[in-house]
Amino acid sequence: MPNTVPHININLLEVSARNENARHIVAGCATALPMLTDMWRNVQEALDDTPALAAEITRLSAELRRTRLDCANLRAAMRATLAAHADGEPDPMWYLRDALNAPETATRRQP
């Protein structure tokens, strides 16, 4: 299955599936070997970290995507400013002012 989060080389769907399989194995082992309850609890707690890490990866990937878009927009405004200056436009800095004063991107406004 393809990676659903762009800009990362980790397939979170596969990670989640492997995590779920490991949870079932730990549950079975804990039932078969109850004398090792503390050890199985430690393994289960380590597996419990996976969903939080996946959520953080997803959040950071979205933030990176927004940052890259903002940088691309500013770079385009800089190029337009330089071209406007070269063309002798009366207010070439308008392109930069417009980009810097533009509302944040629609994706940035999402939580």
PDB file of N, CA and C in Angstrom:
ATOM      1  N   MET A   1       0.851  -1.177   0.000  1.00  0.00           N
ATOM      2  CA  MET A   1       0.000   0.000   0.000  1.00  0.00           C
ATOM      3  C   MET A   1       0.896   1.239   0.000  1.00  0.00           C
ATOM      4  N   PRO A   2       0.539   2.258  -0.765  1.00  0.00           N
ATOM      5  CA  PRO A   2       1.410   3.439  -0.851  1.00  0.00           C
ATOM      6  C   PRO A   2       1.443   4.222   0.452  1.00  0.00           C
ATOM      7  N   ASN A   3       2.493   4.982   0.583  1.00  0.00           N
ATOM      8  CA  ASN A   3       2.653   5.840   1.748  1.00  0.00           C
ATOM      9  C   ASN A   3       1.598   6.943   1.683  1.00  0.00           C
ATOM     10  N   THR A   4       0.835   7.122   2.752  1.00  0.00           N
ATOM     11  CA  THR A   4      -0.230   8.113   2.747  1.00  0.00           C
ATOM     12  C   THR A   4       0.231   9.475   3.252  1.00  0.00           C
ATOM     13  N   VAL A   5       1.440   9.564   3.747  1.00  0.00           N
ATOM     14  CA  VAL A   5       1.985  10.833   4.228  1.00  0.00           C
ATOM     15  C   VAL A   5       3.136  11.228   3.312  1.00  0.00           C
ATOM     16  N   PRO A   6       2.972  12.327   2.553  1.00  0.00           N
ATOM     17  CA  PRO A   6       4.050  12.717   1.643  1.00  0.00           C
ATOM     18  C   PRO A   6       5.283  13.199   2.394  1.00  0.00           C
ATOM     19  N   HIS A   7       6.397  13.187   1.742  1.00  0.00           N
ATOM     20  CA  HIS A   7       7.668  13.718   2.245  1.00  0.00           C
ATOM     21  C   HIS A   7       8.331  12.838   3.293  1.00  0.00           C
ATOM     22  N   ILE A   8       7.825  11.644   3.535  1.00  0.00           N
ATOM     23  CA  ILE A   8       8.525  10.764   4.465  1.00  0.00           C
ATOM     24  C   ILE A   8       8.719   9.411   3.799  1.00  0.00           C
ATOM     25  N   ASN A   9       9.730   8.713   4.235  1.00  0.00           N
ATOM     26  CA  ASN A   9      10.038   7.403   3.668  1.00  0.00           C
ATOM     27  C   ASN A   9       9.613   6.280   4.598  1.00  0.00           C
ATOM     28  N   ILE A  10       8.627   6.544   5.429  1.00  0.00           N
ATOM     29  CA  ILE A  10       8.117   5.548   6.365  1.00  0.00           C
ATOM     30  C   ILE A  10       6.675   5.257   5.980  1.00  0.00           C
ATOM     31  N   ASN A  11       6.351   4.006   5.771  1.00  0.00           N
ATOM     32  CA  ASN A  11       4.978   3.640   5.447  1.00  0.00           C
ATOM     33  C   ASN A  11       4.242   3.419   6.761  1.00  0.00           C
ATOM     34  N   LEU A  12       3.478   4.410   7.178  1.00  0.00           N
ATOM     35  CA  LEU A  12       2.810   4.356   8.471  1.00  0.00           C
ATOM     36  C   LEU A  12       1.741   3.266   8.531  1.00  0.00           C
ATOM     37  N   LEU A  13       1.150   2.920   7.400  1.00  0.00           N
ATOM     38  CA  LEU A  13       0.172   1.832   7.397  1.00  0.00           C
ATOM     39  C   LEU A  13       0.851   0.495   7.714  1.00  0.00           C
ATOM     40  N   GLU A  14       2.017   0.275   7.140  1.00  0.00           N
ATOM     41  CA  GLU A  14       2.759  -0.951   7.437  1.00  0.00           C
ATOM     42  C   GLU A  14       3.240  -0.962   8.883  1.00  0.00           C
ATOM     43  N   VAL A  15       3.703   0.166   9.364  1.00  0.00           N
ATOM     44  CA  VAL A  15       4.155   0.258  10.754  1.00  0.00           C
ATOM     45  C   VAL A  15       3.000  -0.074  11.692  1.00  0.00           C
ATOM     46  N   SER A  16       1.836   0.483  11.420  1.00  0.00           N
ATOM     47  CA  SER A  16       0.666   0.221  12.264  1.00  0.00           C
ATOM     48  C   SER A  16       0.269  -1.256  12.220  1.00  0.00           C
ATOM     49  N   ALA A  17       0.331  -1.854  11.041  1.00  0.00           N
ATOM     50  CA  ALA A  17      -0.011  -3.271  10.914  1.00  0.00           C
ATOM     51  C   ALA A  17       0.977  -4.140  11.693  1.00  0.00           C
ATOM     52  N   ARG A  18       2.263  -3.846  11.568  1.00  0.00           N
ATOM     53  CA  ARG A  18       3.266  -4.620  12.321  1.00  0.00           C
ATOM     54  C   ARG A  18       3.094  -4.423  13.822  1.00  0.00           C
ATOM     55  N   ASN A  19       2.747  -3.206  14.224  1.00  0.00           N
ATOM     56  CA  ASN A  19       2.519  -2.926  15.635  1.00  0.00           C
ATOM     57  C   ASN A  19       1.339  -3.742  16.161  1.00  0.00           C
ATOM     58  N   GLU A  20       0.272  -3.798  15.390  1.00  0.00           N
ATOM     59  CA  GLU A  20      -0.907  -4.571  15.799  1.00  0.00           C
ATOM     60  C   GLU A  20      -0.574  -6.052  15.899  1.00  0.00           C
ATOM     61  N   ASN A  21       0.200  -6.577  14.946  1.00  0.00           N
ATOM     62  CA  ASN A  21       0.625  -7.980  15.010  1.00  0.00           C
ATOM     63  C   ASN A  21       1.470  -8.237  16.252  1.00  0.00           C
ATOM     64  N   ALA A  22       2.373  -7.332  16.546  1.00  0.00           N
ATOM     65  CA  ALA A  22       3.222  -7.489  17.733  1.00  0.00           C
ATOM     66  C   ALA A  22       2.383  -7.465  19.005  1.00  0.00           C
ATOM     67  N   ARG A  23       1.352  -6.628  19.057  1.00  0.00           N
ATOM     68  CA  ARG A  23       0.468  -6.583  20.230  1.00  0.00           C
ATOM     69  C   ARG A  23      -0.221  -7.932  20.447  1.00  0.00           C
ATOM     70  N   HIS A  24      -0.668  -8.552  19.340  1.00  0.00           N
ATOM     71  CA  HIS A  24      -1.317  -9.863  19.459  1.00  0.00           C
ATOM     72  C   HIS A  24      -0.328 -10.924  19.939  1.00  0.00           C
ATOM     73  N   ILE A  25       0.884 -10.865  19.449  1.00  0.00           N
ATOM     74  CA  ILE A  25       1.909 -11.822  19.881  1.00  0.00           C
ATOM     75  C   ILE A  25       2.201 -11.645  21.365  1.00  0.00           C
ATOM     76  N   VAL A  26       2.343 -10.398  21.793  1.00  0.00           N
ATOM     77  CA  VAL A  26       2.619 -10.132  23.215  1.00  0.00           C
ATOM     78  C   VAL A  26       1.458 -10.623  24.073  1.00  0.00           C
ATOM     79  N   ALA A  27       0.225 -10.380  23.635  1.00  0.00           N
ATOM     80  CA  ALA A  27      -0.933 -10.844  24.403  1.00  0.00           C
ATOM     81  C   ALA A  27      -0.931 -12.365  24.531  1.00  0.00           C
ATOM     82  N   GLY A  28      -0.612 -13.052  23.425  1.00  0.00           N
ATOM     83  CA  GLY A  28      -0.544 -14.510  23.472  1.00  0.00           C
ATOM     84  C   GLY A  28       0.570 -15.009  24.371  1.00  0.00           C
ATOM     85  N   CYS A  29       1.714 -14.386  24.293  1.00  0.00           N
ATOM     86  CA  CYS A  29       2.849 -14.783  25.137  1.00  0.00           C
ATOM     87  C   CYS A  29       2.557 -14.489  26.609  1.00  0.00           C
ATOM     88  N   ALA A  30       1.896 -13.375  26.868  1.00  0.00           N
ATOM     89  CA  ALA A  30       1.564 -13.024  28.254  1.00  0.00           C
ATOM     90  C   ALA A  30       0.609 -14.048  28.847  1.00  0.00           C
ATOM     91  N   THR A  31      -0.292 -14.558  28.027  1.00  0.00           N
ATOM     92  CA  THR A  31      -1.227 -15.591  28.494  1.00  0.00           C
ATOM     93  C   THR A  31      -0.487 -16.908  28.729  1.00  0.00           C
ATOM     94  N   ALA A  32       0.420 -17.242  27.834  1.00  0.00           N
ATOM     95  CA  ALA A  32       1.152 -18.509  27.932  1.00  0.00           C
ATOM     96  C   ALA A  32       2.221 -18.481  29.026  1.00  0.00           C
ATOM     97  N   LEU A  33       2.790 -17.306  29.269  1.00  0.00           N
ATOM     98  CA  LEU A  33       3.876 -17.189  30.247  1.00  0.00           C
ATOM     99  C   LEU A  33       3.549 -16.076  31.256  1.00  0.00           C
ATOM    100  N   PRO A  34       2.552 -16.295  32.104  1.00  0.00           N
ATOM    101  CA  PRO A  34       2.139 -15.226  33.022  1.00  0.00           C
ATOM    102  C   PRO A  34       3.206 -14.851  34.045  1.00  0.00           C
ATOM    103  N   MET A  35       4.173 -15.734  34.270  1.00  0.00           N
ATOM    104  CA  MET A  35       5.233 -15.416  35.237  1.00  0.00           C
ATOM    105  C   MET A  35       6.136 -14.274  34.750  1.00  0.00           C
ATOM    106  N   LEU A  36       6.020 -13.911  33.476  1.00  0.00           N
ATOM    107  CA  LEU A  36       6.817 -12.818  32.912  1.00  0.00           C
ATOM    108  C   LEU A  36       5.959 -11.574  32.681  1.00  0.00           C
ATOM    109  N   THR A  37       4.946 -11.392  33.509  1.00  0.00           N
ATOM    110  CA  THR A  37       3.992 -10.297  33.345  1.00  0.00           C
ATOM    111  C   THR A  37       4.678  -8.939  33.252  1.00  0.00           C
ATOM    112  N   ASP A  38       5.658  -8.670  34.114  1.00  0.00           N
ATOM    113  CA  ASP A  38       6.340  -7.371  34.096  1.00  0.00           C
ATOM    114  C   ASP A  38       7.049  -7.137  32.761  1.00  0.00           C
ATOM    115  N   MET A  39       7.679  -8.183  32.245  1.00  0.00           N
ATOM    116  CA  MET A  39       8.380  -8.044  30.965  1.00  0.00           C
ATOM    117  C   MET A  39       7.373  -7.753  29.846  1.00  0.00           C
ATOM    118  N   TRP A  40       6.256  -8.484  29.819  1.00  0.00           N
ATOM    119  CA  TRP A  40       5.255  -8.271  28.765  1.00  0.00           C
ATOM    120  C   TRP A  40       4.645  -6.878  28.875  1.00  0.00           C
ATOM    121  N   ARG A  41       4.471  -6.378  30.098  1.00  0.00           N
ATOM    122  CA  ARG A  41       3.939  -5.032  30.273  1.00  0.00           C
ATOM    123  C   ARG A  41       4.908  -4.003  29.693  1.00  0.00           C
ATOM    124  N   ASN A  42       6.196  -4.198  29.901  1.00  0.00           N
ATOM    125  CA  ASN A  42       7.195  -3.277  29.334  1.00  0.00           C
ATOM    126  C   ASN A  42       7.171  -3.299  27.807  1.00  0.00           C
ATOM    127  N   VAL A  43       7.047  -4.478  27.235  1.00  0.00           N
ATOM    128  CA  VAL A  43       6.977  -4.583  25.778  1.00  0.00           C
ATOM    129  C   VAL A  43       5.704  -3.900  25.269  1.00  0.00           C
ATOM    130  N   GLN A  44       4.582  -4.140  25.967  1.00  0.00           N
ATOM    131  CA  GLN A  44       3.319  -3.516  25.562  1.00  0.00           C
ATOM    132  C   GLN A  44       3.411  -1.994  25.644  1.00  0.00           C
ATOM    133  N   GLU A  45       4.045  -1.467  26.682  1.00  0.00           N
ATOM    134  CA  GLU A  45       4.206  -0.015  26.806  1.00  0.00           C
ATOM    135  C   GLU A  45       5.052   0.544  25.666  1.00  0.00           C
ATOM    136  N   ALA A  46       6.073  -0.197  25.264  1.00  0.00           N
ATOM    137  CA  ALA A  46       6.892   0.251  24.130  1.00  0.00           C
ATOM    138  C   ALA A  46       6.052   0.269  22.851  1.00  0.00           C
ATOM    139  N   LEU A  47       5.206  -0.733  22.673  1.00  0.00           N
ATOM    140  CA  LEU A  47       4.338  -0.768  21.495  1.00  0.00           C
ATOM    141  C   LEU A  47       3.290   0.343  21.541  1.00  0.00           C
ATOM    142  N   ASP A  48       2.896   0.745  22.734  1.00  0.00           N
ATOM    143  CA  ASP A  48       1.911   1.826  22.884  1.00  0.00           C
ATOM    144  C   ASP A  48       2.444   3.159  22.373  1.00  0.00           C
ATOM    145  N   ASP A  49       3.758   3.308  22.280  1.00  0.00           N
ATOM    146  CA  ASP A  49       4.358   4.557  21.791  1.00  0.00           C
ATOM    147  C   ASP A  49       4.163   4.755  20.286  1.00  0.00           C
ATOM    148  N   THR A  50       3.948   3.683  19.556  1.00  0.00           N
ATOM    149  CA  THR A  50       3.887   3.765  18.092  1.00  0.00           C
ATOM    150  C   THR A  50       2.801   4.699  17.570  1.00  0.00           C
ATOM    151  N   PRO A  51       1.560   4.631  18.047  1.00  0.00           N
ATOM    152  CA  PRO A  51       0.545   5.544  17.511  1.00  0.00           C
ATOM    153  C   PRO A  51       0.885   7.027  17.743  1.00  0.00           C
ATOM    154  N   ALA A  52       1.443   7.345  18.897  1.00  0.00           N
ATOM    155  CA  ALA A  52       1.824   8.743  19.164  1.00  0.00           C
ATOM    156  C   ALA A  52       2.946   9.183  18.223  1.00  0.00           C
ATOM    157  N   LEU A  53       3.891   8.299  17.980  1.00  0.00           N
ATOM    158  CA  LEU A  53       4.977   8.632  17.058  1.00  0.00           C
ATOM    159  C   LEU A  53       4.449   8.799  15.633  1.00  0.00           C
ATOM    160  N   ALA A  54       3.524   7.953  15.224  1.00  0.00           N
ATOM    161  CA  ALA A  54       2.942   8.074  13.883  1.00  0.00           C
ATOM    162  C   ALA A  54       2.180   9.388  13.743  1.00  0.00           C
ATOM    163  N   ALA A  55       1.449   9.772  14.780  1.00  0.00           N
ATOM    164  CA  ALA A  55       0.717  11.045  14.743  1.00  0.00           C
ATOM    165  C   ALA A  55       1.678  12.222  14.652  1.00  0.00           C
ATOM    166  N   GLU A  56       2.786  12.154  15.367  1.00  0.00           N
ATOM    167  CA  GLU A  56       3.773  13.239  15.317  1.00  0.00           C
ATOM    168  C   GLU A  56       4.435  13.308  13.944  1.00  0.00           C
ATOM    169  N   ILE A  57       4.717  12.170  13.345  1.00  0.00           N
ATOM    170  CA  ILE A  57       5.286  12.146  11.993  1.00  0.00           C
ATOM    171  C   ILE A  57       4.311  12.787  11.014  1.00  0.00           C
ATOM    172  N   THR A  58       3.041  12.460  11.140  1.00  0.00           N
ATOM    173  CA  THR A  58       2.016  13.024  10.258  1.00  0.00           C
ATOM    174  C   THR A  58       1.935  14.536  10.434  1.00  0.00           C
ATOM    175  N   ARG A  59       1.949  15.005  11.680  1.00  0.00           N
ATOM    176  CA  ARG A  59       1.886  16.442  11.961  1.00  0.00           C
ATOM    177  C   ARG A  59       3.099  17.169  11.405  1.00  0.00           C
ATOM    178  N   LEU A  60       4.270  16.620  11.644  1.00  0.00           N
ATOM    179  CA  LEU A  60       5.497  17.251  11.160  1.00  0.00           C
ATOM    180  C   LEU A  60       5.562  17.254   9.636  1.00  0.00           C
ATOM    181  N   SER A  61       5.063  16.199   9.006  1.00  0.00           N
ATOM    182  CA  SER A  61       5.044  16.153   7.549  1.00  0.00           C
ATOM    183  C   SER A  61       4.140  17.245   6.983  1.00  0.00           C
ATOM    184  N   ALA A  62       2.989  17.450   7.609  1.00  0.00           N
ATOM    185  CA  ALA A  62       2.073  18.508   7.163  1.00  0.00           C
ATOM    186  C   ALA A  62       2.716  19.882   7.351  1.00  0.00           C
ATOM    187  N   GLU A  63       3.397  20.068   8.473  1.00  0.00           N
ATOM    188  CA  GLU A  63       4.077  21.339   8.719  1.00  0.00           C
ATOM    189  C   GLU A  63       5.182  21.575   7.696  1.00  0.00           C
ATOM    190  N   LEU A  64       5.917  20.533   7.362  1.00  0.00           N
ATOM    191  CA  LEU A  64       6.965  20.644   6.349  1.00  0.00           C
ATOM    192  C   LEU A  64       6.376  21.011   4.993  1.00  0.00           C
ATOM    193  N   ARG A  65       5.253  20.381   4.637  1.00  0.00           N
ATOM    194  CA  ARG A  65       4.597  20.684   3.368  1.00  0.00           C
ATOM    195  C   ARG A  65       4.179  22.156   3.319  1.00  0.00           C
ATOM    196  N   ARG A  66       3.590  22.667   4.399  1.00  0.00           N
ATOM    197  CA  ARG A  66       3.176  24.074   4.441  1.00  0.00           C
ATOM    198  C   ARG A  66       4.384  25.003   4.353  1.00  0.00           C
ATOM    199  N   THR A  67       5.451  24.661   5.052  1.00  0.00           N
ATOM    200  CA  THR A  67       6.656  25.483   5.032  1.00  0.00           C
ATOM    201  C   THR A  67       7.266  25.519   3.634  1.00  0.00           C
ATOM    202  N   ARG A  68       7.295  24.374   2.979  1.00  0.00           N
ATOM    203  CA  ARG A  68       7.827  24.337   1.607  1.00  0.00           C
ATOM    204  C   ARG A  68       6.985  25.187   0.668  1.00  0.00           C
ATOM    205  N   LEU A  69       5.668  25.151   0.829  1.00  0.00           N
ATOM    206  CA  LEU A  69       4.791  25.969  -0.001  1.00  0.00           C
ATOM    207  C   LEU A  69       5.038  27.456   0.258  1.00  0.00           C
ATOM    208  N   ASP A  70       5.153  27.820   1.524  1.00  0.00           N
ATOM    209  CA  ASP A  70       5.436  29.222   1.864  1.00  0.00           C
ATOM    210  C   ASP A  70       6.765  29.681   1.254  1.00  0.00           C
ATOM    211  N   CYS A  71       7.778  28.835   1.341  1.00  0.00           N
ATOM    212  CA  CYS A  71       9.089  29.190   0.775  1.00  0.00           C
ATOM    213  C   CYS A  71       9.007  29.328  -0.745  1.00  0.00           C
ATOM    214  N   ALA A  72       8.281  28.432  -1.384  1.00  0.00           N
ATOM    215  CA  ALA A  72       8.134  28.509  -2.844  1.00  0.00           C
ATOM    216  C   ALA A  72       7.405  29.789  -3.241  1.00  0.00           C
ATOM    217  N   ASN A  73       6.369  30.151  -2.492  1.00  0.00           N
ATOM    218  CA  ASN A  73       5.639  31.383  -2.790  1.00  0.00           C
ATOM    219  C   ASN A  73       6.522  32.612  -2.603  1.00  0.00           C
ATOM    220  N   LEU A  74       7.323  32.639  -1.548  1.00  0.00           N
ATOM    221  CA  LEU A  74       8.228  33.774  -1.339  1.00  0.00           C
ATOM    222  C   LEU A  74       9.309  33.829  -2.413  1.00  0.00           C
ATOM    223  N   ARG A  75       9.808  32.671  -2.802  1.00  0.00           N
ATOM    224  CA  ARG A  75      10.817  32.633  -3.861  1.00  0.00           C
ATOM    225  C   ARG A  75      10.227  33.164  -5.173  1.00  0.00           C
ATOM    226  N   ALA A  76       8.993  32.804  -5.465  1.00  0.00           N
ATOM    227  CA  ALA A  76       8.336  33.304  -6.673  1.00  0.00           C
ATOM    228  C   ALA A  76       8.156  34.814  -6.595  1.00  0.00           C
ATOM    229  N   ALA A  77       7.810  35.314  -5.422  1.00  0.00           N
ATOM    230  CA  ALA A  77       7.645  36.763  -5.249  1.00  0.00           C
ATOM    231  C   ALA A  77       8.981  37.488  -5.417  1.00  0.00           C
ATOM    232  N   MET A  78      10.047  36.880  -4.930  1.00  0.00           N
ATOM    233  CA  MET A  78      11.372  37.500  -5.103  1.00  0.00           C
ATOM    234  C   MET A  78      11.748  37.574  -6.580  1.00  0.00           C
ATOM    235  N   ARG A  79      11.492  36.489  -7.300  1.00  0.00           N
ATOM    236  CA  ARG A  79      11.801  36.482  -8.732  1.00  0.00           C
ATOM    237  C   ARG A  79      10.952  37.510  -9.474  1.00  0.00           C
ATOM    238  N   ALA A  80       9.677  37.614  -9.111  1.00  0.00           N
ATOM    239  CA  ALA A  80       8.798  38.596  -9.753  1.00  0.00           C
ATOM    240  C   ALA A  80       9.270  40.006  -9.448  1.00  0.00           C
ATOM    241  N   THR A  81       9.752  40.238  -8.227  1.00  0.00           N
ATOM    242  CA  THR A  81      10.270  41.561  -7.851  1.00  0.00           C
ATOM    243  C   THR A  81      11.494  41.911  -8.685  1.00  0.00           C
ATOM    244  N   LEU A  82      12.409  40.963  -8.827  1.00  0.00           N
ATOM    245  CA  LEU A  82      13.615  41.215  -9.617  1.00  0.00           C
ATOM    246  C   LEU A  82      13.272  41.468 -11.086  1.00  0.00           C
ATOM    247  N   ALA A  83      12.328  40.682 -11.610  1.00  0.00           N
ATOM    248  CA  ALA A  83      11.925  40.879 -13.008  1.00  0.00           C
ATOM    249  C   ALA A  83      11.234  42.230 -13.183  1.00  0.00           C
ATOM    250  N   ALA A  84      10.405  42.604 -12.215  1.00  0.00           N
ATOM    251  CA  ALA A  84       9.707  43.895 -12.289  1.00  0.00           C
ATOM    252  C   ALA A  84      10.708  45.046 -12.228  1.00  0.00           C
ATOM    253  N   HIS A  85      11.711  44.901 -11.396  1.00  0.00           N
ATOM    254  CA  HIS A  85      12.754  45.929 -11.309  1.00  0.00           C
ATOM    255  C   HIS A  85      13.499  46.036 -12.642  1.00  0.00           C
ATOM    256  N   ALA A  86      13.843  44.876 -13.205  1.00  0.00           N
ATOM    257  CA  ALA A  86      14.556  44.871 -14.488  1.00  0.00           C
ATOM    258  C   ALA A  86      13.705  45.473 -15.606  1.00  0.00           C
ATOM    259  N   ASP A  87      12.394  45.312 -15.505  1.00  0.00           N
ATOM    260  CA  ASP A  87      11.487  45.872 -16.511  1.00  0.00           C
ATOM    261  C   ASP A  87      11.168  47.343 -16.256  1.00  0.00           C
ATOM    262  N   GLY A  88      11.683  47.870 -15.152  1.00  0.00           N
ATOM    263  CA  GLY A  88      11.467  49.280 -14.852  1.00  0.00           C
ATOM    264  C   GLY A  88      10.084  49.602 -14.289  1.00  0.00           C
ATOM    265  N   GLU A  89       9.412  48.615 -13.706  1.00  0.00           N
ATOM    266  CA  GLU A  89       8.102  48.884 -13.109  1.00  0.00           C
ATOM    267  C   GLU A  89       8.257  49.904 -11.983  1.00  0.00           C
ATOM    268  N   PRO A  90       7.252  50.752 -11.766  1.00  0.00           N
ATOM    269  CA  PRO A  90       7.376  51.796 -10.753  1.00  0.00           C
ATOM    270  C   PRO A  90       7.426  51.261  -9.315  1.00  0.00           C
ATOM    271  N   ASP A  91       6.836  50.135  -9.037  1.00  0.00           N
ATOM    272  CA  ASP A  91       6.826  49.599  -7.671  1.00  0.00           C
ATOM    273  C   ASP A  91       7.118  48.095  -7.690  1.00  0.00           C
ATOM    274  N   PRO A  92       8.357  47.717  -7.994  1.00  0.00           N
ATOM    275  CA  PRO A  92       8.658  46.287  -8.086  1.00  0.00           C
ATOM    276  C   PRO A  92       8.553  45.557  -6.741  1.00  0.00           C
ATOM    277  N   MET A  93       8.688  46.287  -5.648  1.00  0.00           N
ATOM    278  CA  MET A  93       8.609  45.645  -4.336  1.00  0.00           C
ATOM    279  C   MET A  93       7.187  45.214  -3.987  1.00  0.00           C
ATOM    280  N   TRP A  94       6.211  45.623  -4.802  1.00  0.00           N
ATOM    281  CA  TRP A  94       4.825  45.250  -4.546  1.00  0.00           C
ATOM    282  C   TRP A  94       4.677  43.736  -4.446  1.00  0.00           C
ATOM    283  N   TYR A  95       5.399  42.986  -5.274  1.00  0.00           N
ATOM    284  CA  TYR A  95       5.282  41.525  -5.280  1.00  0.00           C
ATOM    285  C   TYR A  95       5.690  40.931  -3.934  1.00  0.00           C
ATOM    286  N   LEU A  96       6.780  41.456  -3.385  1.00  0.00           N
ATOM    287  CA  LEU A  96       7.208  40.966  -2.070  1.00  0.00           C
ATOM    288  C   LEU A  96       6.242  41.389  -0.981  1.00  0.00           C
ATOM    289  N   ARG A  97       5.815  42.632  -1.004  1.00  0.00           N
ATOM    290  CA  ARG A  97       4.863  43.087   0.012  1.00  0.00           C
ATOM    291  C   ARG A  97       3.589  42.254  -0.035  1.00  0.00           C
ATOM    292  N   ASP A  98       3.124  42.002  -1.242  1.00  0.00           N
ATOM    293  CA  ASP A  98       1.908  41.220  -1.400  1.00  0.00           C
ATOM    294  C   ASP A  98       2.077  39.810  -0.819  1.00  0.00           C
ATOM    295  N   ALA A  99       3.206  39.175  -1.124  1.00  0.00           N
ATOM    296  CA  ALA A  99       3.457  37.820  -0.618  1.00  0.00           C
ATOM    297  C   ALA A  99       3.607  37.814   0.895  1.00  0.00           C
ATOM    298  N   LEU A 100       4.292  38.810   1.433  1.00  0.00           N
ATOM    299  CA  LEU A 100       4.497  38.854   2.881  1.00  0.00           C
ATOM    300  C   LEU A 100       3.228  39.220   3.637  1.00  0.00           C
ATOM    301  N   ASN A 101       2.342  39.981   3.015  1.00  0.00           N
ATOM    302  CA  ASN A 101       1.105  40.384   3.675  1.00  0.00           C
ATOM    303  C   ASN A 101      -0.068  39.460   3.380  1.00  0.00           C
ATOM    304  N   ALA A 102       0.143  38.474   2.539  1.00  0.00           N
ATOM    305  CA  ALA A 102      -0.944  37.557   2.186  1.00  0.00           C
ATOM    306  C   ALA A 102      -1.344  36.746   3.414  1.00  0.00           C
ATOM    307  N   PRO A 103      -2.629  36.408   3.498  1.00  0.00           N
ATOM    308  CA  PRO A 103      -3.039  35.543   4.609  1.00  0.00           C
ATOM    309  C   PRO A 103      -2.303  34.216   4.513  1.00  0.00           C
ATOM    310  N   GLU A 104      -2.185  33.569   5.652  1.00  0.00           N
ATOM    311  CA  GLU A 104      -1.501  32.279   5.653  1.00  0.00           C
ATOM    312  C   GLU A 104      -2.227  31.334   4.714  1.00  0.00           C
ATOM    313  N   THR A 105      -1.509  30.344   4.225  1.00  0.00           N
ATOM    314  CA  THR A 105      -2.095  29.409   3.283  1.00  0.00           C
ATOM    315  C   THR A 105      -3.266  28.675   3.930  1.00  0.00           C
ATOM    316  N   ALA A 106      -4.185  28.233   3.125  1.00  0.00           N
ATOM    317  CA  ALA A 106      -5.376  27.549   3.642  1.00  0.00           C
ATOM    318  C   ALA A 106      -4.994  26.311   4.452  1.00  0.00           C
ATOM    319  N   THR A 107      -3.940  25.620   4.018  1.00  0.00           N
ATOM    320  CA  THR A 107      -3.543  24.418   4.761  1.00  0.00           C
ATOM    321  C   THR A 107      -2.959  24.772   6.115  1.00  0.00           C
ATOM    322  N   ARG A 108      -2.376  25.947   6.259  1.00  0.00           N
ATOM    323  CA  ARG A 108      -1.793  26.327   7.536  1.00  0.00           C
ATOM    324  C   ARG A 108      -2.880  26.609   8.564  1.00  0.00           C
ATOM    325  N   ARG A 109      -4.037  27.082   8.120  1.00  0.00           N
ATOM    326  CA  ARG A 109      -5.107  27.419   9.043  1.00  0.00           C
ATOM    327  C   ARG A 109      -5.752  26.201   9.662  1.00  0.00           C
ATOM    328  N   GLN A 110      -5.539  25.040   9.078  1.00  0.00           N
ATOM    329  CA  GLN A 110      -6.126  23.828   9.637  1.00  0.00           C
ATOM    330  C   GLN A 110      -5.356  23.429  10.886  1.00  0.00           C
ATOM    331  N   PRO A 111      -6.050  22.841  11.880  1.00  0.00           N
ATOM    332  CA  PRO A 111      -5.353  22.433  13.114  1.00  0.00           C
ATOM    333  C   PRO A 111      -4.349  21.350  12.886  1.00  0.00           C
TER     334      PRO A 111
END
